[in-house]
Amino acid sequence: MSIDLDVLATFGDRDTHQRFSKFVRPSSLGEEAHTIFKAMEEWYKHNANPVMDWTKFGPWFLLVKHPKLSEEKARIYRACSPTLLAGLPCMACPRWWTG
């Protein structure tokens, strides 16, 4: 898992992602990390910032890209990277909506 997080952090730079993402095989990352990795490509297409803003990517990933994730699956994605997706709300978690 820590290697997955290192890869995600390394590709948090747009230039690095554009230049080297084609060399990352799906089998080289865990399922969740690969899903995040692929979502990063879409994120970069729509956001001009050259460095990943994880505080914006996390909510987009969970609330826009994957809004129907179960609370359990969202928890797995958050665990994938406490620093990348920490503390982000899950649409399936009513406690978040009620405060």
C-alpha atoms as a PDB file:
ATOM      1  CA  MET A   1       0.000   0.000   0.000  1.00  0.00           C
ATOM      2  CA  SER A   2       2.779   2.479   0.777  1.00  0.00           C
ATOM      3  CA  ILE A   3       4.206   2.014  -2.715  1.00  0.00           C
ATOM      4  CA  ASP A   4       0.771   2.822  -4.136  1.00  0.00           C
ATOM      5  CA  LEU A   5       0.705   6.024  -2.093  1.00  0.00           C
ATOM      6  CA  ASP A   6       4.201   6.928  -3.243  1.00  0.00           C
ATOM      7  CA  VAL A   7       3.143   6.479  -6.872  1.00  0.00           C
ATOM      8  CA  LEU A   8       0.028   8.617  -6.377  1.00  0.00           C
ATOM      9  CA  ALA A   9       2.054  11.326  -4.636  1.00  0.00           C
ATOM     10  CA  THR A  10       4.699  11.274  -7.388  1.00  0.00           C
ATOM     11  CA  PHE A  11       2.054  11.696 -10.066  1.00  0.00           C
ATOM     12  CA  GLY A  12       0.579  14.642  -8.166  1.00  0.00           C
ATOM     13  CA  ASP A  13       2.591  16.761 -10.587  1.00  0.00           C
ATOM     14  CA  ARG A  14       0.794  17.309 -13.920  1.00  0.00           C
ATOM     15  CA  ASP A  15       3.976  17.181 -16.012  1.00  0.00           C
ATOM     16  CA  THR A  16       5.085  13.928 -14.399  1.00  0.00           C
ATOM     17  CA  HIS A  17       1.625  12.441 -14.923  1.00  0.00           C
ATOM     18  CA  GLN A  18       1.502  13.442 -18.577  1.00  0.00           C
ATOM     19  CA  ARG A  19       5.014  12.207 -19.312  1.00  0.00           C
ATOM     20  CA  PHE A  20       5.096   8.936 -17.403  1.00  0.00           C
ATOM     21  CA  SER A  21       1.564   7.696 -16.673  1.00  0.00           C
ATOM     22  CA  LYS A  22       1.627   5.513 -19.784  1.00  0.00           C
ATOM     23  CA  PHE A  23       4.344   3.425 -18.122  1.00  0.00           C
ATOM     24  CA  VAL A  24       2.250   2.564 -15.060  1.00  0.00           C
ATOM     25  CA  ARG A  25       0.543  -0.764 -15.621  1.00  0.00           C
ATOM     26  CA  PRO A  26      -2.830  -1.406 -13.981  1.00  0.00           C
ATOM     27  CA  SER A  27      -1.392  -4.508 -12.335  1.00  0.00           C
ATOM     28  CA  SER A  28       1.357  -2.464 -10.670  1.00  0.00           C
ATOM     29  CA  LEU A  29      -1.109  -0.734  -8.337  1.00  0.00           C
ATOM     30  CA  GLY A  30      -3.830  -1.968  -6.051  1.00  0.00           C
ATOM     31  CA  GLU A  31      -7.403  -1.650  -7.325  1.00  0.00           C
ATOM     32  CA  GLU A  32      -8.224   1.480  -5.320  1.00  0.00           C
ATOM     33  CA  ALA A  33      -4.919   3.200  -6.077  1.00  0.00           C
ATOM     34  CA  HIS A  34      -5.351   2.457  -9.787  1.00  0.00           C
ATOM     35  CA  THR A  35      -8.866   3.916  -9.734  1.00  0.00           C
ATOM     36  CA  ILE A  36      -7.510   7.091  -8.129  1.00  0.00           C
ATOM     37  CA  PHE A  37      -4.625   7.140 -10.620  1.00  0.00           C
ATOM     38  CA  LYS A  38      -6.997   6.974 -13.600  1.00  0.00           C
ATOM     39  CA  ALA A  39      -9.230   9.658 -12.082  1.00  0.00           C
ATOM     40  CA  MET A  40      -6.190  11.923 -11.806  1.00  0.00           C
ATOM     41  CA  GLU A  41      -5.941  11.904 -15.608  1.00  0.00           C
ATOM     42  CA  GLU A  42      -9.488  13.210 -15.926  1.00  0.00           C
ATOM     43  CA  TRP A  43      -8.865  15.745 -13.161  1.00  0.00           C
ATOM     44  CA  TYR A  44      -5.835  17.150 -14.997  1.00  0.00           C
ATOM     45  CA  LYS A  45      -7.878  17.537 -18.196  1.00  0.00           C
ATOM     46  CA  HIS A  46     -10.311  19.877 -16.421  1.00  0.00           C
ATOM     47  CA  ASN A  47      -8.024  21.687 -13.984  1.00  0.00           C
ATOM     48  CA  ALA A  48      -5.151  23.935 -14.981  1.00  0.00           C
ATOM     49  CA  ASN A  49      -3.144  23.752 -11.759  1.00  0.00           C
ATOM     50  CA  PRO A  50       0.265  22.120 -12.467  1.00  0.00           C
ATOM     51  CA  VAL A  51       0.333  20.494  -9.023  1.00  0.00           C
ATOM     52  CA  MET A  52      -2.471  18.314  -7.676  1.00  0.00           C
ATOM     53  CA  ASP A  53      -4.560  20.046  -5.045  1.00  0.00           C
ATOM     54  CA  TRP A  54      -5.543  16.985  -3.014  1.00  0.00           C
ATOM     55  CA  THR A  55      -7.974  19.025  -0.898  1.00  0.00           C
ATOM     56  CA  LYS A  56     -10.014  19.666  -4.055  1.00  0.00           C
ATOM     57  CA  PHE A  57      -9.376  16.353  -5.787  1.00  0.00           C
ATOM     58  CA  GLY A  58     -10.624  14.287  -2.833  1.00  0.00           C
ATOM     59  CA  PRO A  59     -14.130  15.768  -2.695  1.00  0.00           C
ATOM     60  CA  TRP A  60     -14.359  15.708  -6.496  1.00  0.00           C
ATOM     61  CA  PHE A  61     -13.313  12.047  -6.545  1.00  0.00           C
ATOM     62  CA  LEU A  62     -15.804  10.965  -3.887  1.00  0.00           C
ATOM     63  CA  LEU A  63     -18.716  13.307  -4.596  1.00  0.00           C
ATOM     64  CA  VAL A  64     -18.551  13.892  -8.364  1.00  0.00           C
ATOM     65  CA  LYS A  65     -16.567  11.083  -9.959  1.00  0.00           C
ATOM     66  CA  HIS A  66     -17.890   8.316  -7.678  1.00  0.00           C
ATOM     67  CA  PRO A  67     -21.025   9.673  -5.955  1.00  0.00           C
ATOM     68  CA  LYS A  68     -22.659   6.285  -5.452  1.00  0.00           C
ATOM     69  CA  LEU A  69     -19.873   4.668  -3.457  1.00  0.00           C
ATOM     70  CA  SER A  70     -21.103   2.880  -0.404  1.00  0.00           C
ATOM     71  CA  GLU A  71     -19.848   4.185   2.924  1.00  0.00           C
ATOM     72  CA  GLU A  72     -17.672   1.066   3.205  1.00  0.00           C
ATOM     73  CA  LYS A  73     -16.058   1.575  -0.209  1.00  0.00           C
ATOM     74  CA  ALA A  74     -15.531   5.306   0.451  1.00  0.00           C
ATOM     75  CA  ARG A  75     -13.815   4.346   3.698  1.00  0.00           C
ATOM     76  CA  ILE A  76     -11.492   2.054   1.726  1.00  0.00           C
ATOM     77  CA  TYR A  77     -10.578   4.918  -0.616  1.00  0.00           C
ATOM     78  CA  ARG A  78      -9.936   7.213   2.319  1.00  0.00           C
ATOM     79  CA  ALA A  79      -7.738   4.523   3.900  1.00  0.00           C
ATOM     80  CA  CYS A  80      -5.888   4.260   0.592  1.00  0.00           C
ATOM     81  CA  SER A  81      -4.405   7.593   1.446  1.00  0.00           C
ATOM     82  CA  PRO A  82      -5.089   9.344   4.688  1.00  0.00           C
ATOM     83  CA  THR A  83      -3.127  12.343   3.435  1.00  0.00           C
ATOM     84  CA  LEU A  84      -4.737  12.451  -0.004  1.00  0.00           C
ATOM     85  CA  LEU A  85      -8.384  11.790   0.821  1.00  0.00           C
ATOM     86  CA  ALA A  86      -8.523  12.222   4.608  1.00  0.00           C
ATOM     87  CA  GLY A  87     -11.626  13.495   6.274  1.00  0.00           C
ATOM     88  CA  LEU A  88     -13.647  13.803   3.114  1.00  0.00           C
ATOM     89  CA  PRO A  89     -17.392  13.293   3.267  1.00  0.00           C
ATOM     90  CA  CYS A  90     -19.235  10.336   1.817  1.00  0.00           C
ATOM     91  CA  MET A  91     -22.660  10.831   0.229  1.00  0.00           C
ATOM     92  CA  ALA A  92     -23.742   7.488   1.675  1.00  0.00           C
ATOM     93  CA  CYS A  93     -22.916   8.602   5.210  1.00  0.00           C
ATOM     94  CA  PRO A  94     -25.905  10.391   6.751  1.00  0.00           C
ATOM     95  CA  ARG A  95     -23.823  11.523   9.742  1.00  0.00           C
ATOM     96  CA  TRP A  96     -21.892  13.865   7.435  1.00  0.00           C
ATOM     97  CA  TRP A  97     -25.066  15.563   6.230  1.00  0.00           C
ATOM     98  CA  THR A  98     -26.476  16.013   9.717  1.00  0.00           C
ATOM     99  CA  GLY A  99     -23.210  17.301  11.195  1.00  0.00           C
END
